[in-house]
């Protein structure tokens, strides 16, 4: 396995993804929703902070899932449709290297989106918590200037954005640290969101290795929907579901990824004993689960992709 070849494919995949206008549309829409949470928070009764954080984190999760499904469903198929795959595969590169490079490019794109949206979420939370107006104005302005300077000085503008997104997230963390907010919970939720994307991108590539973009998107969305609801439906004690249906749901709950792990309740990520040991352990084990499940899914996708005939 050549890391250089995987890196090259991942970089090209990321460049192709960030140039897609659909991605920018989702980014603008997600930013608008985060700004709207401030107004919705004011409509609540003594629950402004909870509304802002819960709705903001839920919107970031939903939009990142949308991006992961969209990119995983379309990027591999575009290589086949444009015949570029026929030029790449005859070269000294294994098919699993090509697939892994595609996966890493998609994950990096989603991670950049989560970092940018996370920075905005932290700023919105800081505003709701009463942070200094000077900081709230200065940090986004400085981030915009830094992004512009990066574009001017760098030969490859697409590489600037991942570095800038991490810097913007770090600056927003600093702003939030000046006020009383549940900072660890916010950062842990963003990390879990990335774990959800790790699995979902792998599932999308699995279906994309043998199906069309529409069916891939439908199958991946179905897996995500079942993964969010199957465990809850199995736990329900109701007479509406027949024993056969309950057994099928139980089987699905064991096979599909448990996406409920990535959207835990608020108390799971908030330490009550003065430390962050238990919440941190939960985040670590859940991310480990995401890496393990994504790895197994990618292995199956590579096996199917290797046996596919493109002649």
Protein backbone atom coordinates (compact mmCIF):
# COMPACT_ATOMS: atom_id res chain seq x y z
CA UNK A 1 0.00 0.00 0.00
CA UNK A 2 1.38 3.38 -1.05
CA UNK A 3 0.50 6.31 1.20
CA UNK A 4 1.60 8.74 -1.52
CA UNK A 5 -0.94 7.35 -3.99
CA UNK A 6 -3.71 7.35 -1.40
CA UNK A 7 -2.87 10.92 -0.43
CA UNK A 8 -2.95 12.05 -4.05
CA UNK A 9 -6.38 10.52 -4.64
CA UNK A 10 -7.70 11.91 -1.36
CA UNK A 11 -6.45 15.40 -2.23
CA UNK A 12 -8.01 15.29 -5.70
CA UNK A 13 -11.28 14.00 -4.20
CA UNK A 14 -11.31 16.84 -1.68
CA UNK A 15 -10.62 19.41 -4.40
CA UNK A 16 -13.43 18.03 -6.53
CA UNK A 17 -15.83 18.04 -3.58
CA UNK A 18 -15.20 21.62 -2.46
CA UNK A 19 -15.73 22.91 -5.98
CA UNK A 20 -19.26 21.52 -6.04
CA UNK A 21 -21.80 24.35 -5.82
CA UNK A 22 -24.21 22.11 -3.92
CA UNK A 23 -21.75 22.00 -1.04
CA UNK A 24 -21.63 25.78 -0.84
CA UNK A 25 -25.42 25.91 -0.89
CA UNK A 26 -25.62 23.51 2.05
CA UNK A 27 -22.96 25.53 3.89
CA UNK A 28 -24.89 28.79 3.47
CA UNK A 29 -28.17 27.13 4.48
CA UNK A 30 -26.59 25.59 7.58
CA UNK A 31 -25.09 28.94 8.59
CA UNK A 32 -28.50 30.59 8.18
CA UNK A 33 -30.11 27.95 10.39
CA UNK A 34 -27.49 28.52 13.10
CA UNK A 35 -28.17 32.26 13.00
CA UNK A 36 -31.91 31.56 13.19
CA UNK A 37 -31.46 29.63 16.44
CA UNK A 38 -30.76 32.95 18.20
CA UNK A 39 -34.20 34.21 17.22
CA UNK A 40 -35.85 30.92 18.15
CA UNK A 41 -34.10 30.98 21.49
CA UNK A 42 -35.66 34.33 22.33
CA UNK A 43 -39.11 32.82 21.77
CA UNK A 44 -38.56 30.20 24.46
CA UNK A 45 -39.24 30.70 28.13
CA UNK A 46 -36.02 30.71 30.17
CA UNK A 47 -34.52 28.05 27.88
CA UNK A 48 -32.67 30.27 25.41
CA UNK A 49 -29.28 28.63 25.80
CA UNK A 50 -30.65 25.11 25.53
CA UNK A 51 -32.63 25.94 22.40
CA UNK A 52 -29.61 27.57 20.75
CA UNK A 53 -27.25 24.69 21.50
CA UNK A 54 -29.64 21.79 20.88
CA UNK A 55 -31.05 23.13 17.63
CA UNK A 56 -27.63 24.21 16.43
CA UNK A 57 -26.00 20.84 17.08
CA UNK A 58 -28.95 19.00 15.55
CA UNK A 59 -28.73 21.10 12.39
CA UNK A 60 -24.97 20.51 12.08
CA UNK A 61 -25.55 16.76 12.42
CA UNK A 62 -28.31 16.76 9.82
CA UNK A 63 -26.40 18.82 7.25
CA UNK A 64 -23.16 16.88 7.70
CA UNK A 65 -25.07 13.63 7.19
CA UNK A 66 -26.57 15.12 4.02
CA UNK A 67 -23.14 16.05 2.70
CA UNK A 68 -21.68 12.62 3.51
CA UNK A 69 -24.51 10.88 1.67
CA UNK A 70 -24.32 13.25 -1.30
CA UNK A 71 -20.55 12.98 -1.73
CA UNK A 72 -20.40 9.25 -1.09
CA UNK A 73 -23.17 8.66 -3.61
CA UNK A 74 -21.81 10.82 -6.42
CA UNK A 75 -18.01 11.08 -6.42
CA UNK A 76 -17.18 7.45 -7.21
CA UNK A 77 -19.91 7.26 -9.84
CA UNK A 78 -18.58 10.42 -11.52
CA UNK A 79 -15.22 8.71 -11.99
CA UNK A 80 -16.97 5.87 -13.81
CA UNK A 81 -19.30 8.12 -15.81
CA UNK A 82 -16.50 10.42 -17.00
CA UNK A 83 -14.31 7.43 -17.90
CA UNK A 84 -11.48 8.82 -15.71
CA UNK A 85 -11.49 5.57 -13.74
CA UNK A 86 -10.45 3.70 -16.88
CA UNK A 87 -7.33 5.87 -17.04
CA UNK A 88 -6.46 5.54 -13.34
CA UNK A 89 -6.90 1.80 -12.76
CA UNK A 90 -4.40 0.60 -15.41
CA UNK A 91 -1.70 2.54 -13.56
CA UNK A 92 0.23 0.91 -10.69
CA UNK A 93 -2.48 1.57 -8.10
CA UNK A 94 -4.60 -1.00 -6.32
CA UNK A 95 -8.35 -0.62 -6.34
CA UNK A 96 -8.52 -0.56 -2.54
CA UNK A 97 -6.00 2.33 -2.56
CA UNK A 98 -8.25 4.22 -4.94
CA UNK A 99 -11.31 3.53 -2.79
CA UNK A 100 -9.50 4.47 0.43
CA UNK A 101 -8.30 7.71 -1.14
CA UNK A 102 -11.87 8.55 -2.15
CA UNK A 103 -13.08 7.80 1.36
CA UNK A 104 -10.45 9.98 3.03
CA UNK A 105 -11.22 12.85 0.65
CA UNK A 106 -14.92 12.66 1.53
CA UNK A 107 -14.18 12.48 5.26
CA UNK A 108 -11.84 15.48 5.10
CA UNK A 109 -14.49 17.48 3.26
CA UNK A 110 -17.10 16.62 5.89
CA UNK A 111 -14.62 17.38 8.69
CA UNK A 112 -13.97 20.84 7.24
CA UNK A 113 -17.71 21.45 7.09
CA UNK A 114 -18.15 20.34 10.71
CA UNK A 115 -15.25 22.55 11.84
CA UNK A 116 -16.67 25.63 10.09
CA UNK A 117 -20.18 25.00 11.37
CA UNK A 118 -18.79 24.23 14.81
CA UNK A 119 -16.98 27.57 14.86
CA UNK A 120 -20.22 29.34 13.96
CA UNK A 121 -22.14 27.36 16.57
CA UNK A 122 -19.65 28.31 19.28
CA UNK A 123 -19.88 31.98 18.29
CA UNK A 124 -23.69 31.85 18.37
CA UNK A 125 -23.53 30.17 21.78
CA UNK A 126 -21.10 32.83 23.04
CA UNK A 127 -23.44 35.57 21.83
CA UNK A 128 -26.36 33.95 23.66
CA UNK A 129 -24.21 33.66 26.79
CA UNK A 130 -23.40 37.36 26.72
CA UNK A 131 -19.81 37.33 25.45
CA UNK A 132 -17.97 40.57 24.84
CA UNK A 133 -19.23 42.30 21.70
CA UNK A 134 -15.68 43.27 20.78
CA UNK A 135 -14.60 39.61 20.80
CA UNK A 136 -17.67 38.40 18.91
CA UNK A 137 -16.99 40.96 16.18
CA UNK A 138 -13.20 40.83 16.14
CA UNK A 139 -12.80 37.05 15.91
CA UNK A 140 -14.93 36.54 12.76
CA UNK A 141 -13.36 39.61 11.18
CA UNK A 142 -9.85 38.34 11.91
CA UNK A 143 -10.82 34.90 10.58
CA UNK A 144 -12.10 36.42 7.36
CA UNK A 145 -8.89 38.42 6.94
CA UNK A 146 -6.80 35.30 7.60
CA UNK A 147 -8.77 33.36 4.99
CA UNK A 148 -8.30 36.13 2.44
CA UNK A 149 -4.55 36.30 3.13
CA UNK A 150 -4.32 32.55 2.79
CA UNK A 151 -6.00 32.67 -0.60
CA UNK A 152 -3.63 35.41 -1.75
CA UNK A 153 -0.42 33.76 -0.56
CA UNK A 154 -1.16 30.12 -1.33
CA UNK A 155 -0.89 28.57 -4.76
CA UNK A 156 -3.49 25.94 -3.89
CA UNK A 157 -6.51 27.63 -2.30
CA UNK A 158 -8.29 24.38 -1.54
CA UNK A 159 -5.54 23.39 0.92
CA UNK A 160 -5.99 26.67 2.81
CA UNK A 161 -9.55 25.92 3.88
CA UNK A 162 -8.88 22.87 6.14
CA UNK A 163 -6.15 24.72 8.04
CA UNK A 164 -8.28 27.84 8.29
CA UNK A 165 -11.32 25.89 9.53
CA UNK A 166 -9.30 24.47 12.44
CA UNK A 167 -7.95 27.92 13.29
CA UNK A 168 -11.46 29.38 13.17
CA UNK A 169 -12.73 26.60 15.43
CA UNK A 170 -9.89 27.25 17.88
CA UNK A 171 -10.64 30.98 17.92
CA UNK A 172 -14.31 30.30 18.61
CA UNK A 173 -13.35 27.94 21.45
CA UNK A 174 -11.32 30.78 22.96
CA UNK A 175 -14.30 33.13 22.74
CA UNK A 176 -16.56 30.56 24.39
CA UNK A 177 -14.03 30.02 27.18
CA UNK A 178 -14.62 33.61 28.32
CA UNK A 179 -18.26 32.89 29.20
CA UNK A 180 -20.14 30.22 31.13
CA UNK A 181 -21.14 27.61 28.55
CA UNK A 182 -20.95 23.82 28.33
CA UNK A 183 -17.86 23.94 26.13
CA UNK A 184 -16.89 20.29 26.51
CA UNK A 185 -20.37 19.16 25.54
CA UNK A 186 -20.28 21.27 22.39
CA UNK A 187 -16.86 20.00 21.33
CA UNK A 188 -17.75 16.41 22.20
CA UNK A 189 -20.91 16.66 20.08
CA UNK A 190 -18.85 17.87 17.12
CA UNK A 191 -16.41 14.97 17.58
CA UNK A 192 -19.30 12.48 17.70
CA UNK A 193 -20.75 14.10 14.60
CA UNK A 194 -17.47 13.36 12.83
CA UNK A 195 -17.72 9.75 14.00
CA UNK A 196 -21.17 9.48 12.47
CA UNK A 197 -19.80 10.80 9.20
CA UNK A 198 -16.96 8.25 9.29
CA UNK A 199 -19.44 5.38 9.22
CA UNK A 200 -21.94 6.96 6.85
CA UNK A 201 -19.27 7.81 4.24
CA UNK A 202 -18.06 4.21 4.31
CA UNK A 203 -21.62 2.91 3.93
CA UNK A 204 -22.20 5.26 0.99
CA UNK A 205 -19.03 4.04 -0.74
CA UNK A 206 -20.09 0.44 -0.12
CA UNK A 207 -23.33 0.94 -2.01
CA UNK A 208 -21.65 3.19 -4.57
CA UNK A 209 -19.23 0.40 -5.46
CA UNK A 210 -22.02 -1.52 -7.20
CA UNK A 211 -25.02 0.82 -7.55
CA UNK A 212 -26.18 4.10 -9.10
CA UNK A 213 -26.09 7.46 -7.25
CA UNK A 214 -29.86 7.55 -6.67
CA UNK A 215 -30.02 4.04 -5.25
CA UNK A 216 -26.84 4.63 -3.25
CA UNK A 217 -28.32 7.74 -1.69
CA UNK A 218 -31.59 5.95 -0.94
CA UNK A 219 -29.86 2.89 0.56
CA UNK A 220 -27.47 5.00 2.65
CA UNK A 221 -30.27 7.20 3.93
CA UNK A 222 -32.23 4.06 4.78
CA UNK A 223 -29.30 2.66 6.77
CA UNK A 224 -28.97 5.95 8.63
CA UNK A 225 -32.71 6.06 9.35
CA UNK A 226 -32.78 2.48 10.59
CA UNK A 227 -29.62 3.07 12.64
CA UNK A 228 -31.29 6.00 14.35
CA UNK A 229 -34.55 4.19 15.11
CA UNK A 230 -34.12 0.39 15.12
CA UNK A 231 -32.72 0.12 18.65
CA UNK A 232 -35.51 2.33 20.03
CA UNK A 233 -38.20 0.40 18.18
CA UNK A 234 -36.86 -2.92 19.51
CA UNK A 235 -36.93 -1.55 23.05
CA UNK A 236 -40.54 -0.40 22.70
CA UNK A 237 -43.14 -2.54 24.42
CA UNK A 238 -46.10 -2.32 22.09
CA UNK A 239 -48.71 -4.58 20.59
CA UNK A 240 -48.64 -2.74 17.28
CA UNK A 241 -45.55 -4.61 16.08
CA UNK A 242 -45.89 -8.33 15.44
CA UNK A 243 -43.30 -10.76 16.81
CA UNK A 244 -41.95 -11.26 13.30
CA UNK A 245 -41.50 -7.53 12.81
CA UNK A 246 -39.81 -7.22 16.18
CA UNK A 247 -37.41 -10.04 15.34
CA UNK A 248 -36.56 -8.38 12.01
CA UNK A 249 -35.95 -5.08 13.76
CA UNK A 250 -33.81 -6.86 16.33
CA UNK A 251 -31.72 -8.38 13.54
CA UNK A 252 -31.37 -5.00 11.85
CA UNK A 253 -30.37 -3.39 15.13
CA UNK A 254 -27.48 -5.85 15.37
CA UNK A 255 -26.32 -5.41 11.76
CA UNK A 256 -26.74 -1.70 10.98
CA UNK A 257 -24.59 0.86 12.81
CA UNK A 258 -26.11 2.30 15.96
CA UNK A 259 -26.24 5.99 15.05
CA UNK A 260 -27.98 6.76 18.33
CA UNK A 261 -24.55 6.54 19.96
CA UNK A 262 -23.54 9.73 18.17
CA UNK A 263 -26.48 11.78 19.43
CA UNK A 264 -26.55 10.98 23.16
CA UNK A 265 -28.59 12.84 25.69
CA UNK A 266 -27.26 16.01 27.23
CA UNK A 267 -26.48 14.37 30.57
CA UNK A 268 -24.15 11.84 28.89
CA UNK A 269 -21.74 14.58 27.81
CA UNK A 270 -22.02 16.72 30.94
CA UNK A 271 -19.88 15.63 33.89
CA UNK A 272 -21.53 15.90 37.30
CA UNK A 273 -18.50 14.94 39.37
CA UNK A 274 -16.27 17.89 38.60
CA UNK A 275 -14.28 16.09 35.90
CA UNK A 276 -14.69 15.04 32.30
CA UNK A 277 -13.60 11.41 32.78
CA UNK A 278 -16.88 9.62 32.06
CA UNK A 279 -17.98 11.84 29.13
CA UNK A 280 -14.48 11.68 27.65
CA UNK A 281 -14.45 7.89 27.92
CA UNK A 282 -17.85 7.77 26.19
CA UNK A 283 -16.59 9.92 23.31
CA UNK A 284 -13.41 7.84 22.96
CA UNK A 285 -15.21 4.49 22.92
CA UNK A 286 -17.86 5.74 20.50
CA UNK A 287 -15.24 7.07 18.10
CA UNK A 288 -13.44 3.73 18.38
CA UNK A 289 -16.69 2.00 17.43
CA UNK A 290 -17.00 4.35 14.44
CA UNK A 291 -13.47 3.58 13.24
CA UNK A 292 -13.99 -0.17 13.63
CA UNK A 293 -17.33 -0.20 11.81
CA UNK A 294 -16.04 2.09 9.04
CA UNK A 295 -12.97 -0.11 8.59
CA UNK A 296 -15.04 -3.27 8.20
CA UNK A 297 -17.42 -1.55 5.80
CA UNK A 298 -14.55 -0.24 3.68
CA UNK A 299 -13.01 -3.72 3.57
CA UNK A 300 -16.28 -5.11 2.20
CA UNK A 301 -16.55 -2.22 -0.26
CA UNK A 302 -12.99 -2.84 -1.47
CA UNK A 303 -13.76 -6.53 -1.95
CA UNK A 304 -16.83 -5.74 -4.09
CA UNK A 305 -15.05 -2.96 -5.99
CA UNK A 306 -12.10 -5.23 -6.79
CA UNK A 307 -14.37 -7.86 -8.33
CA UNK A 308 -16.32 -5.36 -10.41
CA UNK A 309 -15.69 -5.52 -14.15
CA UNK A 310 -15.33 -2.10 -15.83
CA UNK A 311 -14.62 -3.38 -19.31
